[in-house]
Amino acid sequence: MKSNPPEWHKSSYSDGSGGDCLEVNDTHPTHIPVRDSKAPHGPTLAFRRQSWSMFVEDLKLG
């Protein structure tokens, strides 16, 4: 059986000119992989779901 490629989503805060883009893959059951969209084959960081959620909530609060 062939597996589906990961689904990456660009941040809504990414700049529209193609720079400063962060992408996340929220399909993994326990971790959130994060990468630079300008280097899709480069390294990724993986955060535990709870840690990523807390980080995003803190960003929303300013």
PDB file of N, CA and C in Angstrom:
ATOM      1  N   MET A   1       0.836  -1.170   0.000  1.00  0.00           N
ATOM      2  CA  MET A   1       0.000   0.000   0.000  1.00  0.00           C
ATOM      3  C   MET A   1       0.886   1.239   0.000  1.00  0.00           C
ATOM      4  N   LYS A   2       0.547   2.192  -0.827  1.00  0.00           N
ATOM      5  CA  LYS A   2       1.311   3.437  -0.935  1.00  0.00           C
ATOM      6  C   LYS A   2       0.803   4.447   0.092  1.00  0.00           C
ATOM      7  N   SER A   3       1.728   5.070   0.820  1.00  0.00           N
ATOM      8  CA  SER A   3       1.312   6.058   1.816  1.00  0.00           C
ATOM      9  C   SER A   3       1.193   7.436   1.165  1.00  0.00           C
ATOM     10  N   ASN A   4       0.319   8.237   1.714  1.00  0.00           N
ATOM     11  CA  ASN A   4       0.131   9.604   1.213  1.00  0.00           C
ATOM     12  C   ASN A   4       1.255  10.495   1.697  1.00  0.00           C
ATOM     13  N   PRO A   5       1.675  11.463   0.876  1.00  0.00           N
ATOM     14  CA  PRO A   5       2.708  12.392   1.333  1.00  0.00           C
ATOM     15  C   PRO A   5       2.152  13.276   2.452  1.00  0.00           C
ATOM     16  N   PRO A   6       3.023  13.792   3.313  1.00  0.00           N
ATOM     17  CA  PRO A   6       2.549  14.669   4.392  1.00  0.00           C
ATOM     18  C   PRO A   6       1.844  15.901   3.836  1.00  0.00           C
ATOM     19  N   GLU A   7       0.859  16.370   4.558  1.00  0.00           N
ATOM     20  CA  GLU A   7       0.135  17.584   4.172  1.00  0.00           C
ATOM     21  C   GLU A   7       0.696  18.758   4.960  1.00  0.00           C
ATOM     22  N   TRP A   8       1.350  19.653   4.263  1.00  0.00           N
ATOM     23  CA  TRP A   8       1.937  20.827   4.889  1.00  0.00           C
ATOM     24  C   TRP A   8       1.014  22.021   4.691  1.00  0.00           C
ATOM     25  N   HIS A   9       0.887  22.845   5.741  1.00  0.00           N
ATOM     26  CA  HIS A   9       0.029  24.025   5.699  1.00  0.00           C
ATOM     27  C   HIS A   9       0.866  25.249   6.052  1.00  0.00           C
ATOM     28  N   LYS A  10       0.751  26.268   5.232  1.00  0.00           N
ATOM     29  CA  LYS A  10       1.506  27.500   5.457  1.00  0.00           C
ATOM     30  C   LYS A  10       0.808  28.345   6.526  1.00  0.00           C
ATOM     31  N   SER A  11       1.587  28.995   7.340  1.00  0.00           N
ATOM     32  CA  SER A  11       1.057  29.873   8.371  1.00  0.00           C
ATOM     33  C   SER A  11       0.256  31.011   7.749  1.00  0.00           C
ATOM     34  N   SER A  12      -0.852  31.362   8.369  1.00  0.00           N
ATOM     35  CA  SER A  12      -1.653  32.492   7.888  1.00  0.00           C
ATOM     36  C   SER A  12      -0.925  33.817   8.108  1.00  0.00           C
ATOM     37  N   TYR A  13       0.133  33.802   8.906  1.00  0.00           N
ATOM     38  CA  TYR A  13       0.915  35.015   9.144  1.00  0.00           C
ATOM     39  C   TYR A  13       2.104  35.138   8.200  1.00  0.00           C
ATOM     40  N   SER A  14       2.282  34.177   7.310  1.00  0.00           N
ATOM     41  CA  SER A  14       3.397  34.237   6.365  1.00  0.00           C
ATOM     42  C   SER A  14       3.223  35.427   5.446  1.00  0.00           C
ATOM     43  N   ASP A  15       4.317  35.982   5.053  1.00  0.00           N
ATOM     44  CA  ASP A  15       4.241  37.154   4.190  1.00  0.00           C
ATOM     45  C   ASP A  15       3.869  36.728   2.774  1.00  0.00           C
ATOM     46  N   GLY A  16       3.014  37.511   2.105  1.00  0.00           N
ATOM     47  CA  GLY A  16       2.453  37.172   0.808  1.00  0.00           C
ATOM     48  C   GLY A  16       3.432  37.146  -0.346  1.00  0.00           C
ATOM     49  N   SER A  17       4.633  37.624  -0.158  1.00  0.00           N
ATOM     50  CA  SER A  17       5.600  37.670  -1.260  1.00  0.00           C
ATOM     51  C   SER A  17       6.451  36.404  -1.335  1.00  0.00           C
ATOM     52  N   GLY A  18       6.137  35.421  -0.521  1.00  0.00           N
ATOM     53  CA  GLY A  18       6.875  34.159  -0.574  1.00  0.00           C
ATOM     54  C   GLY A  18       7.997  34.057   0.439  1.00  0.00           C
ATOM     55  N   GLY A  19       8.240  35.092   1.203  1.00  0.00           N
ATOM     56  CA  GLY A  19       9.282  35.053   2.221  1.00  0.00           C
ATOM     57  C   GLY A  19       8.708  34.797   3.601  1.00  0.00           C
ATOM     58  N   ASP A  20       9.571  34.523   4.552  1.00  0.00           N
ATOM     59  CA  ASP A  20       9.174  34.338   5.954  1.00  0.00           C
ATOM     60  C   ASP A  20       8.024  33.358   6.118  1.00  0.00           C
ATOM     61  N   CYS A  21       8.119  32.201   5.498  1.00  0.00           N
ATOM     62  CA  CYS A  21       7.015  31.234   5.525  1.00  0.00           C
ATOM     63  C   CYS A  21       7.323  30.044   6.416  1.00  0.00           C
ATOM     64  N   LEU A  22       6.402  29.776   7.293  1.00  0.00           N
ATOM     65  CA  LEU A  22       6.472  28.624   8.178  1.00  0.00           C
ATOM     66  C   LEU A  22       5.368  27.671   7.766  1.00  0.00           C
ATOM     67  N   GLU A  23       5.685  26.374   7.677  1.00  0.00           N
ATOM     68  CA  GLU A  23       4.681  25.371   7.352  1.00  0.00           C
ATOM     69  C   GLU A  23       4.644  24.324   8.457  1.00  0.00           C
ATOM     70  N   VAL A  24       3.443  23.826   8.720  1.00  0.00           N
ATOM     71  CA  VAL A  24       3.268  22.776   9.714  1.00  0.00           C
ATOM     72  C   VAL A  24       2.508  21.608   9.093  1.00  0.00           C
ATOM     73  N   ASN A  25       2.718  20.436   9.654  1.00  0.00           N
ATOM     74  CA  ASN A  25       1.989  19.244   9.245  1.00  0.00           C
ATOM     75  C   ASN A  25       1.246  18.763  10.480  1.00  0.00           C
ATOM     76  N   ASP A  26      -0.068  18.914  10.476  1.00  0.00           N
ATOM     77  CA  ASP A  26      -0.837  18.551  11.669  1.00  0.00           C
ATOM     78  C   ASP A  26      -1.516  17.188  11.554  1.00  0.00           C
ATOM     79  N   THR A  27      -0.985  16.315  10.690  1.00  0.00           N
ATOM     80  CA  THR A  27      -1.589  14.994  10.522  1.00  0.00           C
ATOM     81  C   THR A  27      -0.917  13.906  11.363  1.00  0.00           C
ATOM     82  N   HIS A  28       0.218  14.203  11.969  1.00  0.00           N
ATOM     83  CA  HIS A  28       0.912  13.212  12.793  1.00  0.00           C
ATOM     84  C   HIS A  28       0.172  13.089  14.124  1.00  0.00           C
ATOM     85  N   PRO A  29       0.000  11.879  14.654  1.00  0.00           N
ATOM     86  CA  PRO A  29      -0.801  11.701  15.864  1.00  0.00           C
ATOM     87  C   PRO A  29      -0.212  12.284  17.150  1.00  0.00           C
ATOM     88  N   THR A  30       1.105  12.380  17.255  1.00  0.00           N
ATOM     89  CA  THR A  30       1.684  12.824  18.532  1.00  0.00           C
ATOM     90  C   THR A  30       2.564  14.064  18.431  1.00  0.00           C
ATOM     91  N   HIS A  31       3.029  14.403  17.229  1.00  0.00           N
ATOM     92  CA  HIS A  31       3.951  15.529  17.062  1.00  0.00           C
ATOM     93  C   HIS A  31       3.504  16.438  15.925  1.00  0.00           C
ATOM     94  N   ILE A  32       3.975  17.673  15.963  1.00  0.00           N
ATOM     95  CA  ILE A  32       3.724  18.640  14.899  1.00  0.00           C
ATOM     96  C   ILE A  32       5.062  18.967  14.246  1.00  0.00           C
ATOM     97  N   PRO A  33       5.312  18.435  13.047  1.00  0.00           N
ATOM     98  CA  PRO A  33       6.526  18.824  12.322  1.00  0.00           C
ATOM     99  C   PRO A  33       6.373  20.244  11.765  1.00  0.00           C
ATOM    100  N   VAL A  34       7.452  21.009  11.821  1.00  0.00           N
ATOM    101  CA  VAL A  34       7.478  22.394  11.355  1.00  0.00           C
ATOM    102  C   VAL A  34       8.691  22.553  10.447  1.00  0.00           C
ATOM    103  N   ARG A  35       8.511  23.296   9.336  1.00  0.00           N
ATOM    104  CA  ARG A  35       9.628  23.505   8.414  1.00  0.00           C
ATOM    105  C   ARG A  35       9.553  24.894   7.787  1.00  0.00           C
ATOM    106  N   ASP A  36      10.644  25.285   7.161  1.00  0.00           N
ATOM    107  CA  ASP A  36      10.730  26.517   6.394  1.00  0.00           C
ATOM    108  C   ASP A  36      10.259  26.198   4.979  1.00  0.00           C
ATOM    109  N   SER A  37       9.236  26.885   4.488  1.00  0.00           N
ATOM    110  CA  SER A  37       8.698  26.564   3.165  1.00  0.00           C
ATOM    111  C   SER A  37       9.693  26.863   2.047  1.00  0.00           C
ATOM    112  N   LYS A  38      10.670  27.707   2.315  1.00  0.00           N
ATOM    113  CA  LYS A  38      11.683  28.014   1.294  1.00  0.00           C
ATOM    114  C   LYS A  38      12.698  26.888   1.170  1.00  0.00           C
ATOM    115  N   ALA A  39      12.689  25.959   2.123  1.00  0.00           N
ATOM    116  CA  ALA A  39      13.613  24.810   2.112  1.00  0.00           C
ATOM    117  C   ALA A  39      12.829  23.538   2.435  1.00  0.00           C
ATOM    118  N   PRO A  40      11.882  23.148   1.565  1.00  0.00           N
ATOM    119  CA  PRO A  40      11.008  22.016   1.884  1.00  0.00           C
ATOM    120  C   PRO A  40      11.722  20.681   2.062  1.00  0.00           C
ATOM    121  N   HIS A  41      12.913  20.552   1.523  1.00  0.00           N
ATOM    122  CA  HIS A  41      13.661  19.304   1.694  1.00  0.00           C
ATOM    123  C   HIS A  41      14.732  19.443   2.777  1.00  0.00           C
ATOM    124  N   GLY A  42      14.721  20.569   3.456  1.00  0.00           N
ATOM    125  CA  GLY A  42      15.684  20.807   4.523  1.00  0.00           C
ATOM    126  C   GLY A  42      15.190  20.220   5.832  1.00  0.00           C
ATOM    127  N   PRO A  43      15.804  20.611   6.918  1.00  0.00           N
ATOM    128  CA  PRO A  43      15.450  20.048   8.224  1.00  0.00           C
ATOM    129  C   PRO A  43      14.062  20.486   8.689  1.00  0.00           C
ATOM    130  N   THR A  44      13.489  19.684   9.550  1.00  0.00           N
ATOM    131  CA  THR A  44      12.236  20.037  10.206  1.00  0.00           C
ATOM    132  C   THR A  44      12.443  19.960  11.714  1.00  0.00           C
ATOM    133  N   LEU A  45      11.623  20.670  12.422  1.00  0.00           N
ATOM    134  CA  LEU A  45      11.568  20.568  13.877  1.00  0.00           C
ATOM    135  C   LEU A  45      10.262  19.863  14.213  1.00  0.00           C
ATOM    136  N   ALA A  46      10.266  19.037  15.236  1.00  0.00           N
ATOM    137  CA  ALA A  46       9.045  18.351  15.652  1.00  0.00           C
ATOM    138  C   ALA A  46       8.757  18.687  17.110  1.00  0.00           C
ATOM    139  N   PHE A  47       7.545  19.136  17.355  1.00  0.00           N
ATOM    140  CA  PHE A  47       7.110  19.518  18.692  1.00  0.00           C
ATOM    141  C   PHE A  47       5.991  18.589  19.144  1.00  0.00           C
ATOM    142  N   ARG A  48       5.946  18.291  20.423  1.00  0.00           N
ATOM    143  CA  ARG A  48       4.812  17.542  20.954  1.00  0.00           C
ATOM    144  C   ARG A  48       3.564  18.397  20.746  1.00  0.00           C
ATOM    145  N   ARG A  49       2.446  17.732  20.483  1.00  0.00           N
ATOM    146  CA  ARG A  49       1.203  18.467  20.198  1.00  0.00           C
ATOM    147  C   ARG A  49       0.862  19.465  21.303  1.00  0.00           C
ATOM    148  N   GLN A  50       0.980  19.058  22.558  1.00  0.00           N
ATOM    149  CA  GLN A  50       0.633  19.945  23.665  1.00  0.00           C
ATOM    150  C   GLN A  50       1.551  21.164  23.688  1.00  0.00           C
ATOM    151  N   SER A  51       2.835  20.960  23.470  1.00  0.00           N
ATOM    152  CA  SER A  51       3.792  22.072  23.464  1.00  0.00           C
ATOM    153  C   SER A  51       3.496  23.034  22.322  1.00  0.00           C
ATOM    154  N   TRP A  52       3.202  22.490  21.149  1.00  0.00           N
ATOM    155  CA  TRP A  52       2.897  23.340  19.995  1.00  0.00           C
ATOM    156  C   TRP A  52       1.625  24.153  20.253  1.00  0.00           C
ATOM    157  N   SER A  53       0.603  23.505  20.810  1.00  0.00           N
ATOM    158  CA  SER A  53      -0.654  24.202  21.108  1.00  0.00           C
ATOM    159  C   SER A  53      -0.435  25.343  22.087  1.00  0.00           C
ATOM    160  N   MET A  54       0.368  25.097  23.121  1.00  0.00           N
ATOM    161  CA  MET A  54       0.669  26.150  24.096  1.00  0.00           C
ATOM    162  C   MET A  54       1.419  27.295  23.440  1.00  0.00           C
ATOM    163  N   PHE A  55       2.374  26.992  22.570  1.00  0.00           N
ATOM    164  CA  PHE A  55       3.137  28.011  21.856  1.00  0.00           C
ATOM    165  C   PHE A  55       2.207  28.875  20.996  1.00  0.00           C
ATOM    166  N   VAL A  56       1.325  28.245  20.243  1.00  0.00           N
ATOM    167  CA  VAL A  56       0.401  28.984  19.380  1.00  0.00           C
ATOM    168  C   VAL A  56      -0.535  29.863  20.212  1.00  0.00           C
ATOM    169  N   GLU A  57      -1.051  29.335  21.306  1.00  0.00           N
ATOM    170  CA  GLU A  57      -1.935  30.128  22.169  1.00  0.00           C
ATOM    171  C   GLU A  57      -1.205  31.339  22.741  1.00  0.00           C
ATOM    172  N   ASP A  58       0.044  31.158  23.152  1.00  0.00           N
ATOM    173  CA  ASP A  58       0.841  32.294  23.657  1.00  0.00           C
ATOM    174  C   ASP A  58       1.039  33.344  22.571  1.00  0.00           C
ATOM    175  N   LEU A  59       1.259  32.910  21.345  1.00  0.00           N
ATOM    176  CA  LEU A  59       1.402  33.869  20.241  1.00  0.00           C
ATOM    177  C   LEU A  59       0.121  34.666  20.032  1.00  0.00           C
ATOM    178  N   LYS A  60      -1.004  34.000  20.125  1.00  0.00           N
ATOM    179  CA  LYS A  60      -2.289  34.685  19.936  1.00  0.00           C
ATOM    180  C   LYS A  60      -2.522  35.732  21.010  1.00  0.00           C
ATOM    181  N   LEU A  61      -2.024  35.462  22.218  1.00  0.00           N
ATOM    182  CA  LEU A  61      -2.199  36.410  23.329  1.00  0.00           C
ATOM    183  C   LEU A  61      -1.286  37.617  23.212  1.00  0.00           C
ATOM    184  N   GLY A  62      -0.269  37.485  22.371  1.00  0.00           N
ATOM    185  CA  GLY A  62       0.652  38.604  22.160  1.00  0.00           C
ATOM    186  C   GLY A  62       1.810  38.515  23.057  1.00  0.00           C
TER     187      GLY A  62
END
